[in-house]
Amino acid sequence: MHQQRACYDYHSNKTKWSWYANIAPVSWLITNDVAKGREHFNFSDWENLSRKDKARLREKIWAEIIKDEVPLWQYKLLHSEAKLTQKDRSLIKEWAGK
């Protein structure tokens, strides 16, 4: 699933911490980025959101994707599998109702 490959490390409680996430000061940066990502939204809490909140988040997610703001460039640098393909973008666009 595209969002799991590209989004869950920053936007869920299912973060897969890499070995370098345990080495300061890199660990501080990664921990901060993950905390910020979860503040924006957390897929682990998706089912608890109202229909209106889900629609708002879908809109926001799509807006960030078309501006190429997500995944974060530093994450893509170390995780090439997180780069969104055209197929990924099409699936997310459909999911977002665009």
N, C-alpha and C. Protein backbone atom coordinates (compact mmCIF):
# COMPACT_ATOMS: atom_id res chain seq x y z
N MET A 1 0.85 -1.18 0.00
CA MET A 1 0.00 0.00 0.00
C MET A 1 0.89 1.23 0.00
N HIS A 2 0.60 2.17 -0.87
CA HIS A 2 1.45 3.35 -1.06
C HIS A 2 1.60 4.17 0.21
N GLN A 3 0.52 4.42 0.95
CA GLN A 3 0.66 5.28 2.13
C GLN A 3 1.49 4.60 3.22
N GLN A 4 1.44 3.28 3.28
CA GLN A 4 2.26 2.61 4.27
C GLN A 4 3.73 2.74 3.92
N ARG A 5 4.05 2.57 2.65
CA ARG A 5 5.44 2.65 2.22
C ARG A 5 5.98 4.07 2.33
N ALA A 6 5.16 5.05 2.03
CA ALA A 6 5.64 6.43 1.95
C ALA A 6 5.25 7.31 3.12
N CYS A 7 4.26 6.90 3.90
CA CYS A 7 3.70 7.82 4.90
C CYS A 7 3.72 7.33 6.34
N TYR A 8 3.64 6.04 6.54
CA TYR A 8 3.42 5.53 7.90
C TYR A 8 4.56 5.81 8.87
N ASP A 9 5.78 5.93 8.39
CA ASP A 9 6.88 6.19 9.33
C ASP A 9 6.72 7.54 10.02
N TYR A 10 6.10 8.49 9.35
CA TYR A 10 5.91 9.82 9.95
C TYR A 10 4.48 10.06 10.42
N HIS A 11 3.54 9.31 9.88
CA HIS A 11 2.14 9.61 10.16
C HIS A 11 1.37 8.41 10.71
N SER A 12 1.99 7.63 11.59
CA SER A 12 1.29 6.54 12.26
C SER A 12 2.07 6.14 13.50
N ASN A 13 1.47 5.24 14.25
CA ASN A 13 2.17 4.69 15.42
C ASN A 13 2.97 3.45 15.02
N LYS A 14 3.10 3.21 13.73
CA LYS A 14 3.81 2.04 13.22
C LYS A 14 5.15 2.42 12.59
N THR A 15 5.80 3.41 13.14
CA THR A 15 7.08 3.88 12.62
C THR A 15 8.10 2.75 12.67
N LYS A 16 8.80 2.56 11.56
CA LYS A 16 9.91 1.61 11.51
C LYS A 16 11.18 2.42 11.69
N TRP A 17 11.74 2.36 12.87
CA TRP A 17 12.92 3.16 13.19
C TRP A 17 14.16 2.52 12.60
N SER A 18 14.89 3.26 11.82
CA SER A 18 16.14 2.78 11.23
C SER A 18 17.24 2.79 12.28
N TRP A 19 18.31 2.07 12.01
CA TRP A 19 19.42 1.99 12.96
C TRP A 19 19.97 3.37 13.31
N TYR A 20 20.02 4.27 12.33
CA TYR A 20 20.59 5.59 12.58
C TYR A 20 19.66 6.48 13.41
N ALA A 21 18.44 6.02 13.62
CA ALA A 21 17.50 6.78 14.46
C ALA A 21 17.86 6.68 15.94
N ASN A 22 18.86 5.87 16.25
CA ASN A 22 19.31 5.71 17.63
C ASN A 22 20.61 6.45 17.92
N ILE A 23 21.08 7.22 16.96
CA ILE A 23 22.37 7.90 17.11
C ILE A 23 22.15 9.42 17.13
N ALA A 24 22.49 10.03 18.25
CA ALA A 24 22.38 11.48 18.36
C ALA A 24 23.48 12.12 17.51
N PRO A 25 23.26 13.26 16.93
CA PRO A 25 22.08 14.12 16.96
C PRO A 25 21.02 13.77 15.91
N VAL A 26 21.32 12.80 15.02
CA VAL A 26 20.35 12.41 14.00
C VAL A 26 19.04 11.97 14.65
N SER A 27 19.14 11.24 15.75
CA SER A 27 17.94 10.74 16.43
C SER A 27 17.03 11.88 16.86
N TRP A 28 17.60 13.00 17.27
CA TRP A 28 16.79 14.15 17.70
C TRP A 28 15.99 14.71 16.53
N LEU A 29 16.64 14.82 15.39
CA LEU A 29 15.98 15.34 14.20
C LEU A 29 14.85 14.42 13.74
N ILE A 30 15.14 13.12 13.70
CA ILE A 30 14.14 12.15 13.26
C ILE A 30 12.96 12.10 14.23
N THR A 31 13.25 12.07 15.51
CA THR A 31 12.18 12.04 16.52
C THR A 31 11.31 13.28 16.40
N ASN A 32 11.92 14.41 16.19
CA ASN A 32 11.18 15.66 16.02
C ASN A 32 10.31 15.63 14.76
N ASP A 33 10.86 15.15 13.64
CA ASP A 33 10.10 15.06 12.40
C ASP A 33 8.90 14.12 12.55
N VAL A 34 9.10 12.99 13.20
CA VAL A 34 8.00 12.03 13.40
C VAL A 34 6.93 12.64 14.30
N ALA A 35 7.34 13.31 15.36
CA ALA A 35 6.36 13.95 16.26
C ALA A 35 5.53 14.99 15.51
N LYS A 36 6.20 15.79 14.68
CA LYS A 36 5.48 16.79 13.88
C LYS A 36 4.52 16.12 12.89
N GLY A 37 4.98 15.06 12.27
CA GLY A 37 4.14 14.34 11.32
C GLY A 37 2.89 13.79 11.99
N ARG A 38 3.05 13.22 13.16
CA ARG A 38 1.90 12.67 13.88
C ARG A 38 0.97 13.78 14.36
N GLU A 39 1.51 14.96 14.64
CA GLU A 39 0.66 16.10 15.02
C GLU A 39 -0.25 16.51 13.87
N HIS A 40 0.27 16.49 12.66
CA HIS A 40 -0.53 16.86 11.50
C HIS A 40 -1.67 15.88 11.30
N PHE A 41 -1.35 14.61 11.30
CA PHE A 41 -2.36 13.55 11.31
C PHE A 41 -1.66 12.23 11.55
N ASN A 42 -2.45 11.28 12.01
CA ASN A 42 -1.92 9.97 12.38
C ASN A 42 -2.85 8.91 11.80
N PHE A 43 -2.35 8.14 10.84
CA PHE A 43 -3.17 7.09 10.24
C PHE A 43 -3.66 6.08 11.27
N SER A 44 -2.95 5.93 12.36
CA SER A 44 -3.38 5.00 13.41
C SER A 44 -4.68 5.45 14.06
N ASP A 45 -5.00 6.74 13.95
CA ASP A 45 -6.24 7.28 14.53
C ASP A 45 -7.31 7.54 13.48
N TRP A 46 -7.06 7.16 12.23
CA TRP A 46 -7.93 7.49 11.12
C TRP A 46 -9.39 7.09 11.36
N GLU A 47 -9.61 5.90 11.85
CA GLU A 47 -10.98 5.40 12.05
C GLU A 47 -11.74 6.17 13.13
N ASN A 48 -11.03 6.87 13.98
CA ASN A 48 -11.68 7.66 15.04
C ASN A 48 -12.08 9.06 14.57
N LEU A 49 -11.68 9.43 13.37
CA LEU A 49 -11.98 10.77 12.86
C LEU A 49 -13.39 10.84 12.29
N SER A 50 -13.95 12.03 12.34
CA SER A 50 -15.27 12.25 11.73
C SER A 50 -15.13 12.24 10.21
N ARG A 51 -16.23 12.07 9.54
CA ARG A 51 -16.24 12.10 8.07
C ARG A 51 -15.69 13.44 7.57
N LYS A 52 -16.07 14.51 8.24
CA LYS A 52 -15.61 15.85 7.87
C LYS A 52 -14.10 15.99 8.03
N ASP A 53 -13.57 15.51 9.15
CA ASP A 53 -12.12 15.57 9.38
C ASP A 53 -11.35 14.73 8.37
N LYS A 54 -11.89 13.57 8.02
CA LYS A 54 -11.24 12.72 7.01
C LYS A 54 -11.20 13.44 5.66
N ALA A 55 -12.30 14.07 5.29
CA ALA A 55 -12.36 14.81 4.02
C ALA A 55 -11.35 15.96 4.03
N ARG A 56 -11.27 16.67 5.14
CA ARG A 56 -10.33 17.78 5.26
C ARG A 56 -8.89 17.29 5.13
N LEU A 57 -8.58 16.16 5.78
CA LEU A 57 -7.22 15.62 5.71
C LEU A 57 -6.89 15.09 4.32
N ARG A 58 -7.85 14.47 3.67
CA ARG A 58 -7.61 14.02 2.30
C ARG A 58 -7.25 15.21 1.41
N GLU A 59 -7.97 16.28 1.58
CA GLU A 59 -7.70 17.51 0.82
C GLU A 59 -6.29 18.04 1.12
N LYS A 60 -5.94 18.07 2.39
CA LYS A 60 -4.63 18.57 2.80
C LYS A 60 -3.51 17.67 2.28
N ILE A 61 -3.70 16.36 2.38
CA ILE A 61 -2.69 15.41 1.91
C ILE A 61 -2.46 15.61 0.41
N TRP A 62 -3.54 15.70 -0.35
CA TRP A 62 -3.41 15.87 -1.80
C TRP A 62 -2.70 17.19 -2.13
N ALA A 63 -3.05 18.24 -1.41
CA ALA A 63 -2.42 19.54 -1.64
C ALA A 63 -0.91 19.46 -1.41
N GLU A 64 -0.48 18.74 -0.39
CA GLU A 64 0.95 18.61 -0.11
C GLU A 64 1.63 17.74 -1.15
N ILE A 65 0.92 16.76 -1.66
CA ILE A 65 1.50 15.90 -2.69
C ILE A 65 1.69 16.66 -4.00
N ILE A 66 0.70 17.42 -4.41
CA ILE A 66 0.85 18.14 -5.68
C ILE A 66 1.91 19.24 -5.59
N LYS A 67 2.20 19.72 -4.38
CA LYS A 67 3.28 20.69 -4.20
C LYS A 67 4.62 19.99 -3.97
N ASP A 68 4.61 18.66 -3.99
CA ASP A 68 5.80 17.83 -3.79
C ASP A 68 6.46 18.09 -2.43
N GLU A 69 5.64 18.31 -1.42
CA GLU A 69 6.15 18.56 -0.07
C GLU A 69 6.28 17.29 0.76
N VAL A 70 5.66 16.22 0.29
CA VAL A 70 5.72 14.94 1.01
C VAL A 70 5.98 13.81 0.03
N PRO A 71 6.63 12.77 0.47
CA PRO A 71 7.39 12.67 1.71
C PRO A 71 8.51 13.71 1.76
N LEU A 72 8.98 13.97 2.95
CA LEU A 72 10.06 14.93 3.14
C LEU A 72 11.28 14.54 2.33
N TRP A 73 11.97 15.53 1.78
CA TRP A 73 13.14 15.25 0.93
C TRP A 73 14.19 14.44 1.66
N GLN A 74 14.41 14.72 2.96
CA GLN A 74 15.44 13.99 3.70
C GLN A 74 15.04 12.53 3.91
N TYR A 75 13.75 12.27 3.99
CA TYR A 75 13.28 10.89 4.12
C TYR A 75 13.48 10.15 2.80
N LYS A 76 13.12 10.80 1.70
CA LYS A 76 13.30 10.18 0.39
C LYS A 76 14.77 9.92 0.08
N LEU A 77 15.63 10.78 0.59
CA LEU A 77 17.06 10.61 0.37
C LEU A 77 17.55 9.27 0.91
N LEU A 78 17.04 8.87 2.06
CA LEU A 78 17.47 7.63 2.70
C LEU A 78 16.52 6.45 2.45
N HIS A 79 15.34 6.74 1.92
CA HIS A 79 14.33 5.70 1.69
C HIS A 79 13.77 5.85 0.28
N SER A 80 14.50 5.36 -0.71
CA SER A 80 14.08 5.53 -2.10
C SER A 80 12.71 4.90 -2.36
N GLU A 81 12.34 3.88 -1.59
CA GLU A 81 11.05 3.24 -1.77
C GLU A 81 9.88 4.15 -1.40
N ALA A 82 10.16 5.24 -0.70
CA ALA A 82 9.11 6.17 -0.29
C ALA A 82 8.77 7.19 -1.37
N LYS A 83 9.58 7.25 -2.42
CA LYS A 83 9.29 8.19 -3.51
C LYS A 83 7.99 7.78 -4.18
N LEU A 84 7.11 8.74 -4.36
CA LEU A 84 5.81 8.46 -4.97
C LEU A 84 5.92 8.35 -6.48
N THR A 85 5.43 7.24 -7.00
CA THR A 85 5.40 7.05 -8.44
C THR A 85 4.15 7.74 -8.99
N GLN A 86 4.06 7.79 -10.30
CA GLN A 86 2.85 8.35 -10.92
C GLN A 86 1.63 7.52 -10.55
N LYS A 87 1.80 6.21 -10.47
CA LYS A 87 0.70 5.33 -10.06
C LYS A 87 0.28 5.65 -8.62
N ASP A 88 1.26 5.85 -7.73
CA ASP A 88 0.96 6.22 -6.34
C ASP A 88 0.15 7.51 -6.30
N ARG A 89 0.60 8.49 -7.05
CA ARG A 89 -0.09 9.79 -7.09
C ARG A 89 -1.52 9.64 -7.60
N SER A 90 -1.70 8.82 -8.62
CA SER A 90 -3.04 8.60 -9.15
C SER A 90 -3.94 7.94 -8.12
N LEU A 91 -3.42 6.95 -7.41
CA LEU A 91 -4.21 6.28 -6.37
C LEU A 91 -4.58 7.23 -5.24
N ILE A 92 -3.63 8.05 -4.83
CA ILE A 92 -3.90 9.01 -3.76
C ILE A 92 -4.88 10.06 -4.24
N LYS A 93 -4.74 10.50 -5.47
CA LYS A 93 -5.66 11.48 -6.03
C LYS A 93 -7.09 10.94 -6.00
N GLU A 94 -7.26 9.70 -6.42
CA GLU A 94 -8.59 9.07 -6.40
C GLU A 94 -9.11 8.96 -4.97
N TRP A 95 -8.24 8.51 -4.05
CA TRP A 95 -8.61 8.37 -2.64
C TRP A 95 -9.03 9.71 -2.06
N ALA A 96 -8.35 10.77 -2.49
CA ALA A 96 -8.65 12.11 -1.98
C ALA A 96 -9.90 12.71 -2.64
N GLY A 97 -10.42 12.03 -3.64
CA GLY A 97 -11.64 12.51 -4.31
C GLY A 97 -11.39 13.63 -5.29
N LYS A 98 -10.24 13.63 -5.91
CA LYS A 98 -9.86 14.70 -6.86
C LYS A 98 -10.01 14.24 -8.29
